[in-house]
PDB file of N, CA and C in Angstrom:
ATOM      1  N   MET A   1     154.978 150.599 110.168  1.00  0.00           N
ATOM      2  CA  MET A   1     154.216 149.934 109.694  1.00  0.00           C
ATOM      3  C   MET A   1     153.917 148.392 110.016  1.00  0.00           C
ATOM      4  N   SER A   2     153.146 147.648 110.892  1.00  0.00           N
ATOM      5  CA  SER A   2     153.083 146.928 111.190  1.00  0.00           C
ATOM      6  C   SER A   2     152.208 145.921 110.338  1.00  0.00           C
ATOM      7  N   ILE A   3     153.293 144.385 110.176  1.00  0.00           N
ATOM      8  CA  ILE A   3     152.578 143.417 109.287  1.00  0.00           C
ATOM      9  C   ILE A   3     151.449 142.534 110.325  1.00  0.00           C
ATOM     10  N   LYS A   4     150.255 142.609 109.468  1.00  0.00           N
ATOM     11  CA  LYS A   4     149.548 141.516 110.011  1.00  0.00           C
ATOM     12  C   LYS A   4     149.699 140.066 109.651  1.00  0.00           C
ATOM     13  N   PRO A   5     149.355 139.107 110.850  1.00  0.00           N
ATOM     14  CA  PRO A   5     149.381 137.839 110.289  1.00  0.00           C
ATOM     15  C   PRO A   5     148.754 137.308 109.457  1.00  0.00           C
ATOM     16  N   MET A   6     148.836 136.315 108.835  1.00  0.00           N
ATOM     17  CA  MET A   6     148.100 135.639 107.562  1.00  0.00           C
ATOM     18  C   MET A   6     146.927 134.730 108.317  1.00  0.00           C
ATOM     19  N   PRO A   7     145.668 135.138 108.232  1.00  0.00           N
ATOM     20  CA  PRO A   7     144.485 134.763 108.847  1.00  0.00           C
ATOM     21  C   PRO A   7     144.686 133.260 109.033  1.00  0.00           C
ATOM     22  N   ILE A   8     144.283 132.238 109.569  1.00  0.00           N
ATOM     23  CA  ILE A   8     144.303 130.925 109.473  1.00  0.00           C
ATOM     24  C   ILE A   8     142.692 130.222 109.064  1.00  0.00           C
ATOM     25  N   THR A   9     143.321 129.628 107.978  1.00  0.00           N
ATOM     26  CA  THR A   9     141.793 129.083 107.419  1.00  0.00           C
ATOM     27  C   THR A   9     141.378 127.592 108.015  1.00  0.00           C
ATOM     28  N   LEU A  10     140.243 127.209 107.638  1.00  0.00           N
ATOM     29  CA  LEU A  10     139.856 126.402 108.355  1.00  0.00           C
ATOM     30  C   LEU A  10     140.285 124.953 107.524  1.00  0.00           C
ATOM     31  N   LYS A  11     140.714 125.275 106.570  1.00  0.00           N
ATOM     32  CA  LYS A  11     141.611 124.200 105.772  1.00  0.00           C
ATOM     33  C   LYS A  11     142.993 123.979 106.399  1.00  0.00           C
ATOM     34  N   ASP A  12     143.971 125.066 106.812  1.00  0.00           N
ATOM     35  CA  ASP A  12     145.087 125.040 107.376  1.00  0.00           C
ATOM     36  C   ASP A  12     144.847 124.353 108.902  1.00  0.00           C
ATOM     37  N   LYS A  13     143.772 124.986 109.255  1.00  0.00           N
ATOM     38  CA  LYS A  13     143.505 124.040 110.717  1.00  0.00           C
ATOM     39  C   LYS A  13     143.254 122.451 110.727  1.00  0.00           C
ATOM     40  N   MET A  14     142.550 122.179 109.876  1.00  0.00           N
ATOM     41  CA  MET A  14     142.103 120.716 109.617  1.00  0.00           C
ATOM     42  C   MET A  14     143.490 120.057 109.382  1.00  0.00           C
ATOM     43  N   LYS A  15     144.213 120.691 108.666  1.00  0.00           N
ATOM     44  CA  LYS A  15     145.804 120.133 108.481  1.00  0.00           C
ATOM     45  C   LYS A  15     146.619 119.808 109.539  1.00  0.00           C
ATOM     46  N   GLN A  16     146.461 120.836 110.341  1.00  0.00           N
ATOM     47  CA  GLN A  16     147.012 120.733 111.707  1.00  0.00           C
ATOM     48  C   GLN A  16     146.609 119.447 112.763  1.00  0.00           C
ATOM     49  N   LEU A  17     145.148 118.687 112.513  1.00  0.00           N
ATOM     50  CA  LEU A  17     145.039 117.871 113.194  1.00  0.00           C
ATOM     51  C   LEU A  17     145.335 116.270 112.625  1.00  0.00           C
ATOM     52  N   SER A  18     145.560 115.373 113.861  1.00  0.00           N
ATOM     53  CA  SER A  18     145.662 114.147 113.492  1.00  0.00           C
ATOM     54  C   SER A  18     144.649 113.131 112.572  1.00  0.00           C
ATOM     55  N   PRO A  19     145.417 112.517 111.872  1.00  0.00           N
ATOM     56  CA  PRO A  19     144.320 112.101 110.685  1.00  0.00           C
ATOM     57  C   PRO A  19     142.991 111.537 111.429  1.00  0.00           C
ATOM     58  N   ALA A  20     143.438 110.701 112.771  1.00  0.00           N
ATOM     59  CA  ALA A  20     141.925 110.211 113.641  1.00  0.00           C
ATOM     60  C   ALA A  20     140.957 111.408 113.841  1.00  0.00           C
ATOM     61  N   ARG A  21     141.781 112.449 114.189  1.00  0.00           N
ATOM     62  CA  ARG A  21     141.034 113.791 114.924  1.00  0.00           C
ATOM     63  C   ARG A  21     140.340 114.373 113.711  1.00  0.00           C
ATOM     64  N   ARG A  22     141.306 114.169 112.462  1.00  0.00           N
ATOM     65  CA  ARG A  22     140.378 114.804 111.415  1.00  0.00           C
ATOM     66  C   ARG A  22     139.134 114.026 110.753  1.00  0.00           C
ATOM     67  N   LYS A  23     139.149 112.536 110.556  1.00  0.00           N
ATOM     68  CA  LYS A  23     138.261 111.929 110.766  1.00  0.00           C
ATOM     69  C   LYS A  23     137.089 112.149 111.417  1.00  0.00           C
ATOM     70  N   LYS A  24     137.071 112.354 112.603  1.00  0.00           N
ATOM     71  CA  LYS A  24     136.214 112.569 113.630  1.00  0.00           C
ATOM     72  C   LYS A  24     135.492 113.783 113.358  1.00  0.00           C
ATOM     73  N   VAL A  25     136.418 114.810 113.260  1.00  0.00           N
ATOM     74  CA  VAL A  25     135.446 116.288 112.897  1.00  0.00           C
ATOM     75  C   VAL A  25     134.585 116.126 111.434  1.00  0.00           C
ATOM     76  N   GLU A  26     135.392 115.302 110.530  1.00  0.00           N
ATOM     77  CA  GLU A  26     134.279 115.206 109.194  1.00  0.00           C
ATOM     78  C   GLU A  26     133.001 114.552 109.487  1.00  0.00           C
ATOM     79  N   ALA A  27     133.419 113.684 110.098  1.00  0.00           N
ATOM     80  CA  ALA A  27     131.947 112.852 110.322  1.00  0.00           C
ATOM     81  C   ALA A  27     130.829 113.678 111.049  1.00  0.00           C
ATOM     82  N   ARG A  28     131.453 114.292 112.444  1.00  0.00           N
ATOM     83  CA  ARG A  28     130.339 115.105 112.956  1.00  0.00           C
ATOM     84  C   ARG A  28     130.195 116.052 112.134  1.00  0.00           C
ATOM     85  N   ALA A  29     130.950 116.781 111.484  1.00  0.00           N
ATOM     86  CA  ALA A  29     130.333 117.775 110.286  1.00  0.00           C
ATOM     87  C   ALA A  29     129.234 117.098 109.041  1.00  0.00           C
ATOM     88  N   ALA A  30     129.653 116.013 108.907  1.00  0.00           N
ATOM     89  CA  ALA A  30     128.749 115.111 108.053  1.00  0.00           C
ATOM     90  C   ALA A  30     127.182 114.675 108.404  1.00  0.00           C
ATOM     91  N   GLN A  31     127.522 114.445 109.711  1.00  0.00           N
ATOM     92  CA  GLN A  31     126.373 114.585 110.498  1.00  0.00           C
ATOM     93  C   GLN A  31     125.389 115.380 110.564  1.00  0.00           C
ATOM     94  N   LEU A  32     125.797 116.581 111.314  1.00  0.00           N
ATOM     95  CA  LEU A  32     125.231 118.047 111.567  1.00  0.00           C
ATOM     96  C   LEU A  32     124.613 118.217 109.923  1.00  0.00           C
ATOM     97  N   ILE A  33     124.979 117.961 108.924  1.00  0.00           N
ATOM     98  CA  ILE A  33     125.157 118.591 107.845  1.00  0.00           C
ATOM     99  C   ILE A  33     123.476 117.646 107.297  1.00  0.00           C
ATOM    100  N   ALA A  34     123.687 116.321 107.446  1.00  0.00           N
ATOM    101  CA  ALA A  34     122.515 115.136 107.393  1.00  0.00           C
ATOM    102  C   ALA A  34     121.406 115.450 108.168  1.00  0.00           C
ATOM    103  N   GLU A  35     121.512 116.146 109.262  1.00  0.00           N
ATOM    104  CA  GLU A  35     120.194 116.378 110.329  1.00  0.00           C
ATOM    105  C   GLU A  35     119.730 117.725 109.998  1.00  0.00           C
ATOM    106  N   GLU A  36     119.921 118.575 108.931  1.00  0.00           N
ATOM    107  CA  GLU A  36     119.325 119.873 108.466  1.00  0.00           C
ATOM    108  C   GLU A  36     118.775 119.739 107.209  1.00  0.00           C
ATOM    109  N   MET A  37     117.439 119.752 107.004  1.00  0.00           N
ATOM    110  CA  MET A  37     116.386 119.426 106.082  1.00  0.00           C
ATOM    111  C   MET A  37     115.648 120.430 105.511  1.00  0.00           C
ATOM    112  N   THR A  38     115.356 120.355 104.466  1.00  0.00           N
ATOM    113  CA  THR A  38     114.011 121.627 104.246  1.00  0.00           C
ATOM    114  C   THR A  38     112.830 120.458 104.426  1.00  0.00           C
ATOM    115  N   LEU A  39     111.695 121.147 104.426  1.00  0.00           N
ATOM    116  CA  LEU A  39     110.262 120.502 104.494  1.00  0.00           C
ATOM    117  C   LEU A  39     110.201 119.290 103.617  1.00  0.00           C
ATOM    118  N   ARG A  40     110.578 119.914 102.307  1.00  0.00           N
ATOM    119  CA  ARG A  40     110.355 118.935 101.035  1.00  0.00           C
ATOM    120  C   ARG A  40     111.467 117.900 101.398  1.00  0.00           C
ATOM    121  N   GLU A  41     112.636 117.928 101.580  1.00  0.00           N
ATOM    122  CA  GLU A  41     113.562 117.049 102.033  1.00  0.00           C
ATOM    123  C   GLU A  41     113.370 115.935 103.101  1.00  0.00           C
ATOM    124  N   LEU A  42     112.629 116.519 104.155  1.00  0.00           N
ATOM    125  CA  LEU A  42     112.000 115.755 105.089  1.00  0.00           C
ATOM    126  C   LEU A  42     110.816 114.831 104.614  1.00  0.00           C
ATOM    127  N   ARG A  43     109.771 115.397 103.747  1.00  0.00           N
ATOM    128  CA  ARG A  43     108.704 114.530 103.172  1.00  0.00           C
ATOM    129  C   ARG A  43     109.603 113.472 102.220  1.00  0.00           C
ATOM    130  N   HIS A  44     110.575 113.649 101.502  1.00  0.00           N
ATOM    131  CA  HIS A  44     111.060 112.957 100.457  1.00  0.00           C
ATOM    132  C   HIS A  44     111.794 111.490 101.457  1.00  0.00           C
ATOM    133  N   ALA A  45     112.526 112.002 102.571  1.00  0.00           N
ATOM    134  CA  ALA A  45     113.010 111.208 103.370  1.00  0.00           C
ATOM    135  C   ALA A  45     112.112 110.221 104.193  1.00  0.00           C
ATOM    136  N   ARG A  46     110.982 110.716 104.355  1.00  0.00           N
ATOM    137  CA  ARG A  46     109.700 109.630 104.853  1.00  0.00           C
ATOM    138  C   ARG A  46     108.972 109.335 104.217  1.00  0.00           C
ATOM    139  N   GLN A  47     109.338 109.404 102.527  1.00  0.00           N
ATOM    140  CA  GLN A  47     108.875 108.651 101.664  1.00  0.00           C
ATOM    141  C   GLN A  47     107.458 108.924 101.599  1.00  0.00           C
ATOM    142  N   LEU A  48     107.148 110.280 101.645  1.00  0.00           N
ATOM    143  CA  LEU A  48     105.628 110.623 101.485  1.00  0.00           C
ATOM    144  C   LEU A  48     105.652 111.272 100.231  1.00  0.00           C
ATOM    145  N   THR A  49     104.284 111.625  99.321  1.00  0.00           N
ATOM    146  CA  THR A  49     103.793 112.155  98.369  1.00  0.00           C
ATOM    147  C   THR A  49     103.347 113.570  98.822  1.00  0.00           C
ATOM    148  N   GLN A  50     103.115 114.578  98.114  1.00  0.00           N
ATOM    149  CA  GLN A  50     102.632 115.705  98.361  1.00  0.00           C
ATOM    150  C   GLN A  50     101.179 115.539  98.071  1.00  0.00           C
ATOM    151  N   VAL A  51     100.332 114.568  97.819  1.00  0.00           N
ATOM    152  CA  VAL A  51      99.319 114.224  97.439  1.00  0.00           C
ATOM    153  C   VAL A  51      98.962 113.690  99.020  1.00  0.00           C
ATOM    154  N   LYS A  52      99.879 112.975  99.429  1.00  0.00           N
ATOM    155  CA  LYS A  52      99.292 112.004 100.605  1.00  0.00           C
ATOM    156  C   LYS A  52      99.271 112.887 102.021  1.00  0.00           C
ATOM    157  N   MET A  53     100.331 113.786 101.573  1.00  0.00           N
ATOM    158  CA  MET A  53     100.385 114.773 102.732  1.00  0.00           C
ATOM    159  C   MET A  53      99.248 115.842 102.907  1.00  0.00           C
ATOM    160  N   ALA A  54      98.820 116.245 101.218  1.00  0.00           N
ATOM    161  CA  ALA A  54      97.726 116.994 101.302  1.00  0.00           C
ATOM    162  C   ALA A  54      96.359 116.555 101.976  1.00  0.00           C
ATOM    163  N   LYS A  55      96.230 115.021 101.651  1.00  0.00           N
ATOM    164  CA  LYS A  55      95.115 114.495 102.423  1.00  0.00           C
ATOM    165  C   LYS A  55      95.031 114.507 103.835  1.00  0.00           C
ATOM    166  N   THR A  56      96.380 114.162 103.915  1.00  0.00           N
ATOM    167  CA  THR A  56      96.305 114.060 105.926  1.00  0.00           C
ATOM    168  C   THR A  56      96.121 115.310 106.370  1.00  0.00           C
ATOM    169  N   LEU A  57      96.748 116.225 105.548  1.00  0.00           N
ATOM    170  CA  LEU A  57      96.569 117.946 106.175  1.00  0.00           C
ATOM    171  C   LEU A  57      95.093 118.372 105.821  1.00  0.00           C
ATOM    172  N   GLY A  58      94.193 117.917 104.763  1.00  0.00           N
ATOM    173  CA  GLY A  58      92.966 118.245 104.514  1.00  0.00           C
ATOM    174  C   GLY A  58      92.996 119.891 103.662  1.00  0.00           C
ATOM    175  N   VAL A  59      94.375 119.693 102.891  1.00  0.00           N
ATOM    176  CA  VAL A  59      94.204 120.818 101.767  1.00  0.00           C
ATOM    177  C   VAL A  59      94.907 120.380 100.444  1.00  0.00           C
ATOM    178  N   THR A  60      94.986 121.257  99.571  1.00  0.00           N
ATOM    179  CA  THR A  60      95.292 120.367  98.176  1.00  0.00           C
ATOM    180  C   THR A  60      96.761 120.198  98.261  1.00  0.00           C
ATOM    181  N   GLN A  61      97.017 119.468  97.164  1.00  0.00           N
ATOM    182  CA  GLN A  61      98.329 119.328  96.977  1.00  0.00           C
ATOM    183  C   GLN A  61      99.097 120.572  96.425  1.00  0.00           C
ATOM    184  N   ASP A  62      98.798 121.489  95.928  1.00  0.00           N
ATOM    185  CA  ASP A  62      99.316 122.883  95.245  1.00  0.00           C
ATOM    186  C   ASP A  62      99.709 123.430  96.644  1.00  0.00           C
ATOM    187  N   SER A  63      98.630 123.462  97.877  1.00  0.00           N
ATOM    188  CA  SER A  63      98.914 124.218  99.103  1.00  0.00           C
ATOM    189  C   SER A  63     100.103 123.660  99.742  1.00  0.00           C
ATOM    190  N   VAL A  64     100.446 122.376  99.658  1.00  0.00           N
ATOM    191  CA  VAL A  64     101.664 121.607  99.946  1.00  0.00           C
ATOM    192  C   VAL A  64     102.841 121.908  99.567  1.00  0.00           C
ATOM    193  N   SER A  65     102.836 122.017  98.052  1.00  0.00           N
ATOM    194  CA  SER A  65     103.712 122.440  97.350  1.00  0.00           C
ATOM    195  C   SER A  65     104.165 123.830  97.755  1.00  0.00           C
ATOM    196  N   ARG A  66     103.430 124.708  97.779  1.00  0.00           N
ATOM    197  CA  ARG A  66     103.574 126.643  98.192  1.00  0.00           C
ATOM    198  C   ARG A  66     104.281 126.150  99.652  1.00  0.00           C
ATOM    199  N   LEU A  67     103.810 125.197 100.826  1.00  0.00           N
ATOM    200  CA  LEU A  67     104.189 125.344 101.896  1.00  0.00           C
ATOM    201  C   LEU A  67     105.436 124.926 101.838  1.00  0.00           C
ATOM    202  N   GLU A  68     105.972 123.802 101.162  1.00  0.00           N
ATOM    203  CA  GLU A  68     107.373 123.381 101.377  1.00  0.00           C
ATOM    204  C   GLU A  68     108.148 124.701 100.703  1.00  0.00           C
ATOM    205  N   LYS A  69     107.811 125.460  99.912  1.00  0.00           N
ATOM    206  CA  LYS A  69     108.670 126.632  99.206  1.00  0.00           C
ATOM    207  C   LYS A  69     108.724 128.107 100.466  1.00  0.00           C
ATOM    208  N   ARG A  70     108.253 127.737 101.346  1.00  0.00           N
ATOM    209  CA  ARG A  70     107.977 129.019 102.461  1.00  0.00           C
ATOM    210  C   ARG A  70     108.850 129.485 103.233  1.00  0.00           C
ATOM    211  N   SER A  71     109.410 130.206 103.087  1.00  0.00           N
ATOM    212  CA  SER A  71     110.636 130.071 104.349  1.00  0.00           C
ATOM    213  C   SER A  71     110.134 130.986 105.540  1.00  0.00           C
ATOM    214  N   ASP A  72     109.221 131.286 106.000  1.00  0.00           N
ATOM    215  CA  ASP A  72     108.480 132.060 107.201  1.00  0.00           C
ATOM    216  C   ASP A  72     106.999 131.187 107.267  1.00  0.00           C
ATOM    217  N   LEU A  73     107.210 130.435 108.268  1.00  0.00           N
ATOM    218  CA  LEU A  73     105.645 129.721 108.847  1.00  0.00           C
ATOM    219  C   LEU A  73     105.382 129.705 110.130  1.00  0.00           C
ATOM    220  N   LEU A  74     104.251 130.020 110.341  1.00  0.00           N
ATOM    221  CA  LEU A  74     103.499 129.899 111.657  1.00  0.00           C
ATOM    222  C   LEU A  74     103.940 128.666 112.308  1.00  0.00           C
ATOM    223  N   LEU A  75     104.335 128.852 113.832  1.00  0.00           N
ATOM    224  CA  LEU A  75     104.523 127.212 113.825  1.00  0.00           C
ATOM    225  C   LEU A  75     103.436 126.392 114.154  1.00  0.00           C
ATOM    226  N   SER A  76     102.366 126.765 114.150  1.00  0.00           N
ATOM    227  CA  SER A  76     101.096 125.857 114.627  1.00  0.00           C
ATOM    228  C   SER A  76     101.189 124.859 112.849  1.00  0.00           C
ATOM    229  N   THR A  77     101.581 125.343 112.045  1.00  0.00           N
ATOM    230  CA  THR A  77     101.228 125.453 110.309  1.00  0.00           C
ATOM    231  C   THR A  77     102.575 124.269 110.440  1.00  0.00           C
ATOM    232  N   LEU A  78     103.716 124.353 110.903  1.00  0.00           N
ATOM    233  CA  LEU A  78     104.893 123.747 110.997  1.00  0.00           C
ATOM    234  C   LEU A  78     104.577 122.401 111.778  1.00  0.00           C
ATOM    235  N   ARG A  79     104.130 122.813 113.034  1.00  0.00           N
ATOM    236  CA  ARG A  79     103.792 121.243 113.701  1.00  0.00           C
ATOM    237  C   ARG A  79     102.871 120.599 113.096  1.00  0.00           C
ATOM    238  N   LYS A  80     101.888 121.192 112.550  1.00  0.00           N
ATOM    239  CA  LYS A  80     100.810 120.361 111.840  1.00  0.00           C
ATOM    240  C   LYS A  80     101.420 119.514 110.483  1.00  0.00           C
ATOM    241  N   THR A  81     102.229 120.157 110.186  1.00  0.00           N
ATOM    242  CA  THR A  81     103.345 119.402 109.021  1.00  0.00           C
ATOM    243  C   THR A  81     103.932 118.326 108.946  1.00  0.00           C
ATOM    244  N   VAL A  82     104.780 118.544 110.226  1.00  0.00           N
ATOM    245  CA  VAL A  82     105.459 117.662 110.861  1.00  0.00           C
ATOM    246  C   VAL A  82     104.618 116.411 111.522  1.00  0.00           C
ATOM    247  N   GLU A  83     103.458 116.518 112.291  1.00  0.00           N
ATOM    248  CA  GLU A  83     102.862 115.397 112.666  1.00  0.00           C
ATOM    249  C   GLU A  83     102.018 114.808 111.648  1.00  0.00           C
ATOM    250  N   ALA A  84     101.492 115.460 110.428  1.00  0.00           N
ATOM    251  CA  ALA A  84     101.013 114.614 109.144  1.00  0.00           C
ATOM    252  C   ALA A  84     102.412 113.618 108.823  1.00  0.00           C
ATOM    253  N   MET A  85     103.746 113.986 109.196  1.00  0.00           N
ATOM    254  CA  MET A  85     104.901 113.291 108.621  1.00  0.00           C
ATOM    255  C   MET A  85     104.793 111.898 109.591  1.00  0.00           C
ATOM    256  N   GLY A  86     104.317 111.833 110.768  1.00  0.00           N
ATOM    257  CA  GLY A  86     104.870 110.967 111.735  1.00  0.00           C
ATOM    258  C   GLY A  86     105.489 111.362 113.045  1.00  0.00           C
ATOM    259  N   GLY A  87     105.661 112.708 112.901  1.00  0.00           N
ATOM    260  CA  GLY A  87     106.700 113.271 113.942  1.00  0.00           C
ATOM    261  C   GLY A  87     106.400 114.177 114.997  1.00  0.00           C
ATOM    262  N   ASN A  88     106.975 114.630 115.794  1.00  0.00           N
ATOM    263  CA  ASN A  88     106.413 115.635 116.565  1.00  0.00           C
ATOM    264  C   ASN A  88     107.391 116.495 116.706  1.00  0.00           C
ATOM    265  N   LEU A  89     107.017 118.314 116.612  1.00  0.00           N
ATOM    266  CA  LEU A  89     108.123 119.474 116.661  1.00  0.00           C
ATOM    267  C   LEU A  89     108.182 119.787 117.843  1.00  0.00           C
ATOM    268  N   SER A  90     109.605 119.979 118.235  1.00  0.00           N
ATOM    269  CA  SER A  90     110.036 120.707 119.841  1.00  0.00           C
ATOM    270  C   SER A  90     110.831 121.624 119.365  1.00  0.00           C
ATOM    271  N   LEU A  91     110.692 122.771 120.005  1.00  0.00           N
ATOM    272  CA  LEU A  91     111.602 123.848 119.649  1.00  0.00           C
ATOM    273  C   LEU A  91     112.379 124.254 120.579  1.00  0.00           C
ATOM    274  N   VAL A  92     114.003 124.610 120.587  1.00  0.00           N
ATOM    275  CA  VAL A  92     115.130 124.165 121.193  1.00  0.00           C
ATOM    276  C   VAL A  92     115.607 126.041 121.092  1.00  0.00           C
ATOM    277  N   ALA A  93     115.893 126.551 122.252  1.00  0.00           N
ATOM    278  CA  ALA A  93     116.541 128.050 122.184  1.00  0.00           C
ATOM    279  C   ALA A  93     118.365 127.467 122.555  1.00  0.00           C
ATOM    280  N   GLU A  94     119.239 128.072 121.691  1.00  0.00           N
ATOM    281  CA  GLU A  94     120.459 127.725 122.256  1.00  0.00           C
ATOM    282  C   GLU A  94     121.003 129.008 122.555  1.00  0.00           C
ATOM    283  N   PHE A  95     121.781 128.927 123.644  1.00  0.00           N
ATOM    284  CA  PHE A  95     122.550 130.171 123.923  1.00  0.00           C
ATOM    285  C   PHE A  95     124.203 130.038 124.301  1.00  0.00           C
ATOM    286  N   PRO A  96     125.143 130.541 124.019  1.00  0.00           N
ATOM    287  CA  PRO A  96     126.415 130.305 124.302  1.00  0.00           C
ATOM    288  C   PRO A  96     126.776 130.198 125.752  1.00  0.00           C
ATOM    289  N   ASP A  97     125.893 130.627 126.839  1.00  0.00           N
ATOM    290  CA  ASP A  97     126.573 130.633 128.146  1.00  0.00           C
ATOM    291  C   ASP A  97     125.667 129.712 128.966  1.00  0.00           C
ATOM    292  N   ARG A  98     124.651 128.530 128.189  1.00  0.00           N
ATOM    293  CA  ARG A  98     124.166 127.803 128.949  1.00  0.00           C
ATOM    294  C   ARG A  98     123.484 126.417 127.935  1.00  0.00           C
ATOM    295  N   ALA A  99     123.010 125.654 128.786  1.00  0.00           N
ATOM    296  CA  ALA A  99     122.516 124.720 127.619  1.00  0.00           C
ATOM    297  C   ALA A  99     121.693 124.980 127.109  1.00  0.00           C
ATOM    298  N   PRO A 100     121.045 124.046 126.073  1.00  0.00           N
ATOM    299  CA  PRO A 100     119.925 124.330 125.374  1.00  0.00           C
ATOM    300  C   PRO A 100     118.717 124.365 125.981  1.00  0.00           C
ATOM    301  N   VAL A 101     117.726 125.017 125.727  1.00  0.00           N
ATOM    302  CA  VAL A 101     116.410 124.848 126.316  1.00  0.00           C
ATOM    303  C   VAL A 101     115.142 124.468 125.538  1.00  0.00           C
ATOM    304  N   VAL A 102     114.552 123.805 126.020  1.00  0.00           N
ATOM    305  CA  VAL A 102     113.226 123.528 125.071  1.00  0.00           C
ATOM    306  C   VAL A 102     112.187 124.465 125.546  1.00  0.00           C
ATOM    307  N   LEU A 103     111.801 125.149 124.338  1.00  0.00           N
ATOM    308  CA  LEU A 103     110.519 125.846 124.604  1.00  0.00           C
ATOM    309  C   LEU A 103     109.124 125.117 124.696  1.00  0.00           C
ATOM    310  N   SER A 104     108.196 125.638 125.727  1.00  0.00           N
ATOM    311  CA  SER A 104     107.040 124.661 125.932  1.00  0.00           C
ATOM    312  C   SER A 104     106.092 125.751 125.524  1.00  0.00           C
ATOM    313  N   GLY A 105     104.990 125.060 125.385  1.00  0.00           N
ATOM    314  CA  GLY A 105     103.747 126.019 124.975  1.00  0.00           C
ATOM    315  C   GLY A 105     103.535 126.574 123.489  1.00  0.00           C
ATOM    316  N   LEU A 106     104.749 126.758 122.832  1.00  0.00           N
ATOM    317  CA  LEU A 106     104.747 127.492 121.640  1.00  0.00           C
ATOM    318  C   LEU A 106     104.372 126.391 120.298  1.00  0.00           C
ATOM    319  N   ALA A 107     104.665 125.164 120.145  1.00  0.00           N
ATOM    320  CA  ALA A 107     104.722 124.469 119.247  1.00  0.00           C
ATOM    321  C   ALA A 107     103.224 123.953 119.182  1.00  0.00           C
ATOM    322  N   GLU A 108     102.350 124.076 120.487  1.00  0.00           N
ATOM    323  CA  GLU A 108     101.051 123.387 120.792  1.00  0.00           C
ATOM    324  C   GLU A 108      99.972 124.175 120.144  1.00  0.00           C
ATOM    325  N   GLY A 109     100.482 125.058 119.826  1.00  0.00           N
ATOM    326  CA  GLY A 109      99.267 126.521 119.069  1.00  0.00           C
ATOM    327  C   GLY A 109      99.338 127.273 120.079  1.00  0.00           C
ATOM    328  N   ASP A 110      98.216 128.258 120.180  1.00  0.00           N
ATOM    329  CA  ASP A 110      98.344 129.634 121.009  1.00  0.00           C
ATOM    330  C   ASP A 110      97.225 129.223 121.826  1.00  0.00           C
ATOM    331  N   PRO A 111      97.219 128.514 123.384  1.00  0.00           N
ATOM    332  CA  PRO A 111      96.531 128.361 124.004  1.00  0.00           C
ATOM    333  C   PRO A 111      95.716 129.670 124.330  1.00  0.00           C
ATOM    334  N   MET A 112      96.189 131.263 124.298  1.00  0.00           N
ATOM    335  CA  MET A 112      95.351 132.160 124.553  1.00  0.00           C
ATOM    336  C   MET A 112      94.524 132.799 123.373  1.00  0.00           C
ATOM    337  N   GLN A 113      94.968 132.001 122.137  1.00  0.00           N
ATOM    338  CA  GLN A 113      93.428 132.124 121.225  1.00  0.00           C
ATOM    339  C   GLN A 113      92.080 131.532 121.477  1.00  0.00           C
ATOM    340  N   LYS A 114      92.016 130.429 122.641  1.00  0.00           N
ATOM    341  CA  LYS A 114      90.679 129.806 122.699  1.00  0.00           C
ATOM    342  C   LYS A 114      90.307 130.744 123.917  1.00  0.00           C
ATOM    343  N   THR A 115      90.805 131.422 124.748  1.00  0.00           N
ATOM    344  CA  THR A 115      90.656 132.090 126.084  1.00  0.00           C
ATOM    345  C   THR A 115      90.553 133.559 125.720  1.00  0.00           C
ATOM    346  N   ARG A 116      91.021 133.995 124.701  1.00  0.00           N
ATOM    347  CA  ARG A 116      90.841 135.392 124.794  1.00  0.00           C
ATOM    348  C   ARG A 116      89.717 135.939 123.982  1.00  0.00           C
ATOM    349  N   PRO A 117      88.887 136.987 125.120  1.00  0.00           N
ATOM    350  CA  PRO A 117      87.699 137.406 124.280  1.00  0.00           C
ATOM    351  C   PRO A 117      87.745 137.911 122.960  1.00  0.00           C
ATOM    352  N   LYS A 118      86.734 138.217 122.265  1.00  0.00           N
ATOM    353  CA  LYS A 118      86.484 138.613 121.143  1.00  0.00           C
ATOM    354  C   LYS A 118      86.203 140.101 121.313  1.00  0.00           C
ATOM    355  N   PRO A 119      86.746 141.129 120.850  1.00  0.00           N
ATOM    356  CA  PRO A 119      86.748 142.618 120.891  1.00  0.00           C
ATOM    357  C   PRO A 119      85.378 142.835 120.259  1.00  0.00           C
ATOM    358  N   ALA A 120      84.679 143.872 121.238  1.00  0.00           N
ATOM    359  CA  ALA A 120      83.421 144.296 121.009  1.00  0.00           C
ATOM    360  C   ALA A 120      83.284 144.813 120.118  1.00  0.00           C
ATOM    361  N   ASN A 121      82.224 144.721 119.294  1.00  0.00           N
ATOM    362  CA  ASN A 121      82.045 145.806 117.894  1.00  0.00           C
ATOM    363  C   ASN A 121      81.773 146.997 118.531  1.00  0.00           C
ATOM    364  N   ARG A 122      82.707 147.996 117.839  1.00  0.00           N
ATOM    365  CA  ARG A 122      82.416 149.058 118.332  1.00  0.00           C
ATOM    366  C   ARG A 122      81.754 150.144 117.064  1.00  0.00           C
ATOM    367  N   ARG A 123      80.608 150.767 117.147  1.00  0.00           N
ATOM    368  CA  ARG A 123      80.407 151.831 116.426  1.00  0.00           C
ATOM    369  C   ARG A 123      80.825 153.203 116.476  1.00  0.00           C
ATOM    370  N   ARG A 124      81.063 153.805 115.319  1.00  0.00           N
ATOM    371  CA  ARG A 124      81.501 155.351 115.223  1.00  0.00           C
ATOM    372  C   ARG A 124      80.464 156.046 115.811  1.00  0.00           C
ATOM    373  N   VAL A 125      80.252 157.055 116.485  1.00  0.00           N
ATOM    374  CA  VAL A 125      79.705 158.101 116.705  1.00  0.00           C
ATOM    375  C   VAL A 125      79.594 159.504 116.178  1.00  0.00           C
ATOM    376  N   ALA A 126      78.843 159.691 115.224  1.00  0.00           N
ATOM    377  CA  ALA A 126      79.247 160.628 114.220  1.00  0.00           C
ATOM    378  C   ALA A 126      78.932 162.234 115.319  1.00  0.00           C
TER     379      ALA A 126
END
């Protein structure tokens, strides 16, 4: 019977670092955590109210409240919301084997929507 070595925890790994390196890692972790926000947190950080956002978006305050609680949004909705806060939306794909790639054409809305012909009305033949 073989004895498995004890797993190394993050806490153990951090203890192995020099104080200067540990401080640098902790600062970067704090920076990454600060960069991640919900739409609600972002709105608060931009010092905007739901009422002001609603007015800019042309919707009701209740709609903004519901939007902030959603976990699945259309990119066009997210783009409009970010723009209403004064920002621009960009979408980045990250892969382990290459540098990040900024995706184009997705956050600007669906250009095919305007050029796609409407399906013809089909009638049932009895």
